[in-house]
Amino acid sequence: DISKADVLTIYLLPEVNLIVRPRILALKPGTRLVSHDYGFGEWPPDVEFTMDAPGKPVGRDQKSKVLYYVVPSQVAGKWVWKGPGGEFALELEQAFQKITGTVTVGGKRAAIEKPQLTGYDISFEAVVGDGVRHQFSGRVYNNAIEGVYLSAGASHPWNATRTELREARFHDLVPGITAR
């Protein structure tokens, strides 16, 4: 039972990593994971590096790959809030910690830029309608995001509510491997 874990280190074969991945992704967002040598299919690591491993009995090059992951919050869907400038709507698609989407303000829509999702923390930028760059950062709490955004040199709170849940993609198309 790993349900209470918030840090995991593993050294499993690639096939086994795919089998345990749904259980890892079901852990609370922000849970950290370090995997030795092998990844989790199409779930990209947040950080990856290779280091010398003198005397390593496996492999030819005496190197080890270290892969670091953070379990992401599920943010896919539509979010809404009110702020200076009117009603805001954020629509997000998600594949693991990678997010894409749009922000709409006063009927004008723009793609989000520089999106980041690390555990509960989310940030992105957008230039919407007025030509002003808005920089959003916040923390995800189930179906709410609380944070601040910078716009034209001023800081504003934002408290978004999810009005539509979409399925985040947390699986490979591999027979026999199920998503959470």
C-alpha atoms as a PDB file:
ATOM      1  CA  ASP A   1       0.000   0.000   0.000  1.00  0.00           C
ATOM      2  CA  ILE A   2       1.668   3.205  -1.209  1.00  0.00           C
ATOM      3  CA  SER A   3      -1.411   5.428  -0.801  1.00  0.00           C
ATOM      4  CA  LYS A   4       0.124   7.498   2.020  1.00  0.00           C
ATOM      5  CA  ALA A   5       3.519   7.985   0.347  1.00  0.00           C
ATOM      6  CA  ASP A   6       4.674  11.452  -0.601  1.00  0.00           C
ATOM      7  CA  VAL A   7       8.159  10.408  -1.777  1.00  0.00           C
ATOM      8  CA  LEU A   8       9.003   7.243  -3.730  1.00  0.00           C
ATOM      9  CA  THR A   9      12.253   5.881  -5.111  1.00  0.00           C
ATOM     10  CA  ILE A  10      12.081   2.951  -7.491  1.00  0.00           C
ATOM     11  CA  TYR A  11      14.291   0.803  -9.677  1.00  0.00           C
ATOM     12  CA  LEU A  12      11.928  -1.339 -11.717  1.00  0.00           C
ATOM     13  CA  LEU A  13      11.916  -2.596 -15.304  1.00  0.00           C
ATOM     14  CA  PRO A  14      10.077  -0.466 -17.910  1.00  0.00           C
ATOM     15  CA  GLU A  15       7.163  -2.919 -18.177  1.00  0.00           C
ATOM     16  CA  VAL A  16       6.662  -2.904 -14.412  1.00  0.00           C
ATOM     17  CA  ASN A  17       6.811   0.908 -14.344  1.00  0.00           C
ATOM     18  CA  LEU A  18       3.852   0.975 -16.768  1.00  0.00           C
ATOM     19  CA  ILE A  19       1.936  -1.451 -14.572  1.00  0.00           C
ATOM     20  CA  VAL A  20       2.436   0.620 -11.374  1.00  0.00           C
ATOM     21  CA  ARG A  21       2.035   4.016 -13.056  1.00  0.00           C
ATOM     22  CA  PRO A  22      -1.766   4.242 -12.490  1.00  0.00           C
ATOM     23  CA  ARG A  23      -1.212   3.663  -8.757  1.00  0.00           C
ATOM     24  CA  ILE A  24       1.485   6.339  -8.669  1.00  0.00           C
ATOM     25  CA  LEU A  25      -0.675   8.856 -10.555  1.00  0.00           C
ATOM     26  CA  ALA A  26      -3.481   8.159  -8.053  1.00  0.00           C
ATOM     27  CA  LEU A  27      -1.270   9.477  -5.231  1.00  0.00           C
ATOM     28  CA  LYS A  28      -1.867  12.999  -3.968  1.00  0.00           C
ATOM     29  CA  PRO A  29      -0.593  15.750  -6.255  1.00  0.00           C
ATOM     30  CA  GLY A  30       2.872  16.913  -5.301  1.00  0.00           C
ATOM     31  CA  THR A  31       4.085  13.387  -4.484  1.00  0.00           C
ATOM     32  CA  ARG A  32       7.700  13.116  -5.650  1.00  0.00           C
ATOM     33  CA  LEU A  33       9.171  10.110  -7.407  1.00  0.00           C
ATOM     34  CA  VAL A  34      12.712   9.250  -8.443  1.00  0.00           C
ATOM     35  CA  SER A  35      13.165   6.371 -10.872  1.00  0.00           C
ATOM     36  CA  HIS A  36      16.525   4.794 -11.635  1.00  0.00           C
ATOM     37  CA  ASP A  37      17.225   4.139 -15.349  1.00  0.00           C
ATOM     38  CA  TYR A  38      13.644   3.653 -16.603  1.00  0.00           C
ATOM     39  CA  GLY A  39      10.745   6.014 -17.251  1.00  0.00           C
ATOM     40  CA  PHE A  40       6.980   5.642 -17.350  1.00  0.00           C
ATOM     41  CA  GLY A  41       6.141   5.450 -21.042  1.00  0.00           C
ATOM     42  CA  GLU A  42       4.856   8.745 -22.390  1.00  0.00           C
ATOM     43  CA  TRP A  43       4.787  10.420 -18.944  1.00  0.00           C
ATOM     44  CA  PRO A  44       7.798  12.743 -19.302  1.00  0.00           C
ATOM     45  CA  PRO A  45      10.001  13.329 -16.254  1.00  0.00           C
ATOM     46  CA  ASP A  46      10.102  16.801 -14.750  1.00  0.00           C
ATOM     47  CA  VAL A  47      13.905  16.483 -14.544  1.00  0.00           C
ATOM     48  CA  GLU A  48      16.260  13.908 -16.065  1.00  0.00           C
ATOM     49  CA  PHE A  49      20.010  13.533 -15.947  1.00  0.00           C
ATOM     50  CA  THR A  50      22.710  10.912 -16.437  1.00  0.00           C
ATOM     51  CA  MET A  51      25.516  10.343 -13.974  1.00  0.00           C
ATOM     52  CA  ASP A  52      28.637   8.189 -13.851  1.00  0.00           C
ATOM     53  CA  ALA A  53      28.156   4.895 -12.007  1.00  0.00           C
ATOM     54  CA  PRO A  54      31.584   3.240 -11.727  1.00  0.00           C
ATOM     55  CA  GLY A  55      31.276  -0.460 -10.962  1.00  0.00           C
ATOM     56  CA  LYS A  56      27.634  -0.657 -12.063  1.00  0.00           C
ATOM     57  CA  PRO A  57      27.116  -4.346 -12.887  1.00  0.00           C
ATOM     58  CA  VAL A  58      24.325  -3.716 -15.444  1.00  0.00           C
ATOM     59  CA  GLY A  59      24.839  -2.035 -18.819  1.00  0.00           C
ATOM     60  CA  ARG A  60      27.956  -1.313 -20.823  1.00  0.00           C
ATOM     61  CA  ASP A  61      28.666   2.335 -20.194  1.00  0.00           C
ATOM     62  CA  GLN A  62      28.852   2.501 -16.358  1.00  0.00           C
ATOM     63  CA  LYS A  63      26.183   5.236 -16.296  1.00  0.00           C
ATOM     64  CA  SER A  64      22.853   5.629 -14.512  1.00  0.00           C
ATOM     65  CA  LYS A  65      19.884   7.672 -15.622  1.00  0.00           C
ATOM     66  CA  VAL A  66      17.948   9.487 -12.881  1.00  0.00           C
ATOM     67  CA  LEU A  67      14.361  10.543 -13.628  1.00  0.00           C
ATOM     68  CA  TYR A  68      12.411  12.842 -11.295  1.00  0.00           C
ATOM     69  CA  TYR A  69       8.609  13.145 -11.410  1.00  0.00           C
ATOM     70  CA  VAL A  70       5.996  15.110  -9.491  1.00  0.00           C
ATOM     71  CA  VAL A  71       2.433  13.737  -9.502  1.00  0.00           C
ATOM     72  CA  PRO A  72       0.305  16.448 -11.158  1.00  0.00           C
ATOM     73  CA  SER A  73      -3.113  17.745 -10.121  1.00  0.00           C
ATOM     74  CA  GLN A  74      -5.931  17.050 -12.531  1.00  0.00           C
ATOM     75  CA  VAL A  75      -6.685  20.447 -14.069  1.00  0.00           C
ATOM     76  CA  ALA A  76      -8.293  19.558 -17.412  1.00  0.00           C
ATOM     77  CA  GLY A  77     -11.598  21.332 -17.918  1.00  0.00           C
ATOM     78  CA  LYS A  78     -13.202  24.759 -17.889  1.00  0.00           C
ATOM     79  CA  TRP A  79     -12.558  27.244 -15.062  1.00  0.00           C
ATOM     80  CA  VAL A  80     -14.280  30.608 -14.494  1.00  0.00           C
ATOM     81  CA  TRP A  81     -13.794  33.668 -12.243  1.00  0.00           C
ATOM     82  CA  LYS A  82     -14.414  37.406 -12.106  1.00  0.00           C
ATOM     83  CA  GLY A  83     -11.685  39.997 -11.986  1.00  0.00           C
ATOM     84  CA  PRO A  84     -10.775  43.460 -13.212  1.00  0.00           C
ATOM     85  CA  GLY A  85     -11.765  43.483 -16.842  1.00  0.00           C
ATOM     86  CA  GLY A  86     -14.781  41.216 -16.396  1.00  0.00           C
ATOM     87  CA  GLU A  87     -15.444  37.512 -16.546  1.00  0.00           C
ATOM     88  CA  PHE A  88     -12.526  35.169 -17.177  1.00  0.00           C
ATOM     89  CA  ALA A  89     -12.746  31.654 -18.592  1.00  0.00           C
ATOM     90  CA  LEU A  90      -9.842  29.217 -18.737  1.00  0.00           C
ATOM     91  CA  GLU A  91     -10.060  26.019 -20.772  1.00  0.00           C
ATOM     92  CA  LEU A  92      -7.337  23.436 -20.181  1.00  0.00           C
ATOM     93  CA  GLU A  93      -6.336  20.165 -21.800  1.00  0.00           C
ATOM     94  CA  GLN A  94      -3.854  17.952 -19.984  1.00  0.00           C
ATOM     95  CA  ALA A  95      -1.469  15.084 -20.684  1.00  0.00           C
ATOM     96  CA  PHE A  96       0.243  14.283 -17.384  1.00  0.00           C
ATOM     97  CA  GLN A  97       1.902  17.554 -16.230  1.00  0.00           C
ATOM     98  CA  LYS A  98       1.796  19.102 -19.717  1.00  0.00           C
ATOM     99  CA  ILE A  99      -1.073  21.570 -20.158  1.00  0.00           C
ATOM    100  CA  THR A 100      -2.377  23.643 -23.054  1.00  0.00           C
ATOM    101  CA  GLY A 101      -5.365  25.916 -23.257  1.00  0.00           C
ATOM    102  CA  THR A 102      -6.961  29.294 -23.736  1.00  0.00           C
ATOM    103  CA  VAL A 103      -8.058  32.233 -21.603  1.00  0.00           C
ATOM    104  CA  THR A 104     -11.116  34.289 -22.572  1.00  0.00           C
ATOM    105  CA  VAL A 105     -11.792  37.785 -21.183  1.00  0.00           C
ATOM    106  CA  GLY A 106     -14.688  39.911 -22.414  1.00  0.00           C
ATOM    107  CA  GLY A 107     -15.262  37.586 -25.357  1.00  0.00           C
ATOM    108  CA  LYS A 108     -11.617  37.764 -26.500  1.00  0.00           C
ATOM    109  CA  ARG A 109      -9.651  34.538 -26.433  1.00  0.00           C
ATOM    110  CA  ALA A 110      -5.908  33.900 -26.351  1.00  0.00           C
ATOM    111  CA  ALA A 111      -3.729  30.826 -26.066  1.00  0.00           C
ATOM    112  CA  ILE A 112      -1.910  30.375 -22.788  1.00  0.00           C
ATOM    113  CA  GLU A 113       1.855  30.698 -22.902  1.00  0.00           C
ATOM    114  CA  LYS A 114       4.606  29.281 -20.682  1.00  0.00           C
ATOM    115  CA  PRO A 115       2.254  26.827 -18.937  1.00  0.00           C
ATOM    116  CA  GLN A 116       3.612  24.937 -15.926  1.00  0.00           C
ATOM    117  CA  LEU A 117       1.965  22.378 -13.679  1.00  0.00           C
ATOM    118  CA  THR A 118       3.976  20.934 -10.796  1.00  0.00           C
ATOM    119  CA  GLY A 119       1.890  19.053  -8.267  1.00  0.00           C
ATOM    120  CA  TYR A 120      -0.670  21.577  -6.978  1.00  0.00           C
ATOM    121  CA  ASP A 121       1.107  24.613  -8.466  1.00  0.00           C
ATOM    122  CA  ILE A 122      -0.019  26.056 -11.798  1.00  0.00           C
ATOM    123  CA  SER A 123       1.216  29.072 -13.761  1.00  0.00           C
ATOM    124  CA  PHE A 124       0.803  30.473 -17.256  1.00  0.00           C
ATOM    125  CA  GLU A 125       0.744  33.733 -19.179  1.00  0.00           C
ATOM    126  CA  ALA A 126      -1.606  35.183 -21.777  1.00  0.00           C
ATOM    127  CA  VAL A 127      -2.028  38.369 -23.807  1.00  0.00           C
ATOM    128  CA  VAL A 128      -5.801  38.848 -23.951  1.00  0.00           C
ATOM    129  CA  GLY A 129      -7.747  41.498 -25.855  1.00  0.00           C
ATOM    130  CA  ASP A 130      -6.179  44.630 -24.383  1.00  0.00           C
ATOM    131  CA  GLY A 131      -2.652  43.671 -25.509  1.00  0.00           C
ATOM    132  CA  VAL A 132      -1.515  43.471 -21.883  1.00  0.00           C
ATOM    133  CA  ARG A 133       0.393  40.418 -20.697  1.00  0.00           C
ATOM    134  CA  HIS A 134      -1.305  38.680 -17.768  1.00  0.00           C
ATOM    135  CA  GLN A 135       0.867  36.387 -15.610  1.00  0.00           C
ATOM    136  CA  PHE A 136      -1.162  33.887 -13.570  1.00  0.00           C
ATOM    137  CA  SER A 137       0.072  31.700 -10.727  1.00  0.00           C
ATOM    138  CA  GLY A 138      -1.964  29.676  -8.287  1.00  0.00           C
ATOM    139  CA  ARG A 139      -2.559  26.516  -6.350  1.00  0.00           C
ATOM    140  CA  VAL A 140      -5.116  23.859  -7.279  1.00  0.00           C
ATOM    141  CA  TYR A 141      -7.518  22.667  -4.570  1.00  0.00           C
ATOM    142  CA  ASN A 142      -9.822  20.006  -6.072  1.00  0.00           C
ATOM    143  CA  ASN A 143     -12.198  22.083  -8.230  1.00  0.00           C
ATOM    144  CA  ALA A 144     -10.762  25.495  -7.320  1.00  0.00           C
ATOM    145  CA  ILE A 145      -7.634  27.476  -8.096  1.00  0.00           C
ATOM    146  CA  GLU A 146      -6.527  30.284  -5.779  1.00  0.00           C
ATOM    147  CA  GLY A 147      -3.732  32.618  -6.708  1.00  0.00           C
ATOM    148  CA  VAL A 148      -2.645  35.982  -8.015  1.00  0.00           C
ATOM    149  CA  TYR A 149      -2.106  37.449 -11.443  1.00  0.00           C
ATOM    150  CA  LEU A 150      -0.050  40.376 -12.581  1.00  0.00           C
ATOM    151  CA  SER A 151      -1.499  42.689 -15.200  1.00  0.00           C
ATOM    152  CA  ALA A 152      -0.198  46.128 -16.246  1.00  0.00           C
ATOM    153  CA  GLY A 153       1.998  46.292 -13.155  1.00  0.00           C
ATOM    154  CA  ALA A 154      -0.843  45.540 -10.720  1.00  0.00           C
ATOM    155  CA  SER A 155      -1.393  42.366  -8.723  1.00  0.00           C
ATOM    156  CA  HIS A 156      -4.899  40.881  -8.491  1.00  0.00           C
ATOM    157  CA  PRO A 157      -6.255  37.818  -6.688  1.00  0.00           C
ATOM    158  CA  TRP A 158      -7.957  35.144  -8.756  1.00  0.00           C
ATOM    159  CA  ASN A 159     -10.183  32.392  -7.440  1.00  0.00           C
ATOM    160  CA  ALA A 160     -11.336  30.127 -10.232  1.00  0.00           C
ATOM    161  CA  THR A 161     -13.979  27.434 -10.013  1.00  0.00           C
ATOM    162  CA  ARG A 162     -14.066  24.422 -12.328  1.00  0.00           C
ATOM    163  CA  THR A 163     -17.393  24.365 -14.159  1.00  0.00           C
ATOM    164  CA  GLU A 164     -16.581  21.510 -16.512  1.00  0.00           C
ATOM    165  CA  LEU A 165     -14.374  18.518 -15.813  1.00  0.00           C
ATOM    166  CA  ARG A 166     -12.475  16.965 -18.711  1.00  0.00           C
ATOM    167  CA  GLU A 167     -10.497  13.789 -18.634  1.00  0.00           C
ATOM    168  CA  ALA A 168      -6.777  14.302 -18.187  1.00  0.00           C
ATOM    169  CA  ARG A 169      -4.717  11.909 -20.255  1.00  0.00           C
ATOM    170  CA  PHE A 170      -2.766   9.724 -17.846  1.00  0.00           C
ATOM    171  CA  HIS A 171      -2.169   6.616 -19.922  1.00  0.00           C
ATOM    172  CA  ASP A 172      -0.370   5.151 -22.884  1.00  0.00           C
ATOM    173  CA  LEU A 173      -2.201   3.247 -25.544  1.00  0.00           C
ATOM    174  CA  VAL A 174      -0.746  -0.042 -24.337  1.00  0.00           C
ATOM    175  CA  PRO A 175      -3.022  -3.099 -24.160  1.00  0.00           C
ATOM    176  CA  GLY A 176      -3.438  -4.372 -20.624  1.00  0.00           C
ATOM    177  CA  ILE A 177      -2.370  -1.099 -18.975  1.00  0.00           C
ATOM    178  CA  THR A 178      -5.231   0.857 -17.454  1.00  0.00           C
ATOM    179  CA  ALA A 179      -5.435   4.504 -16.546  1.00  0.00           C
ATOM    180  CA  ARG A 180      -6.652   5.867 -13.245  1.00  0.00           C
END
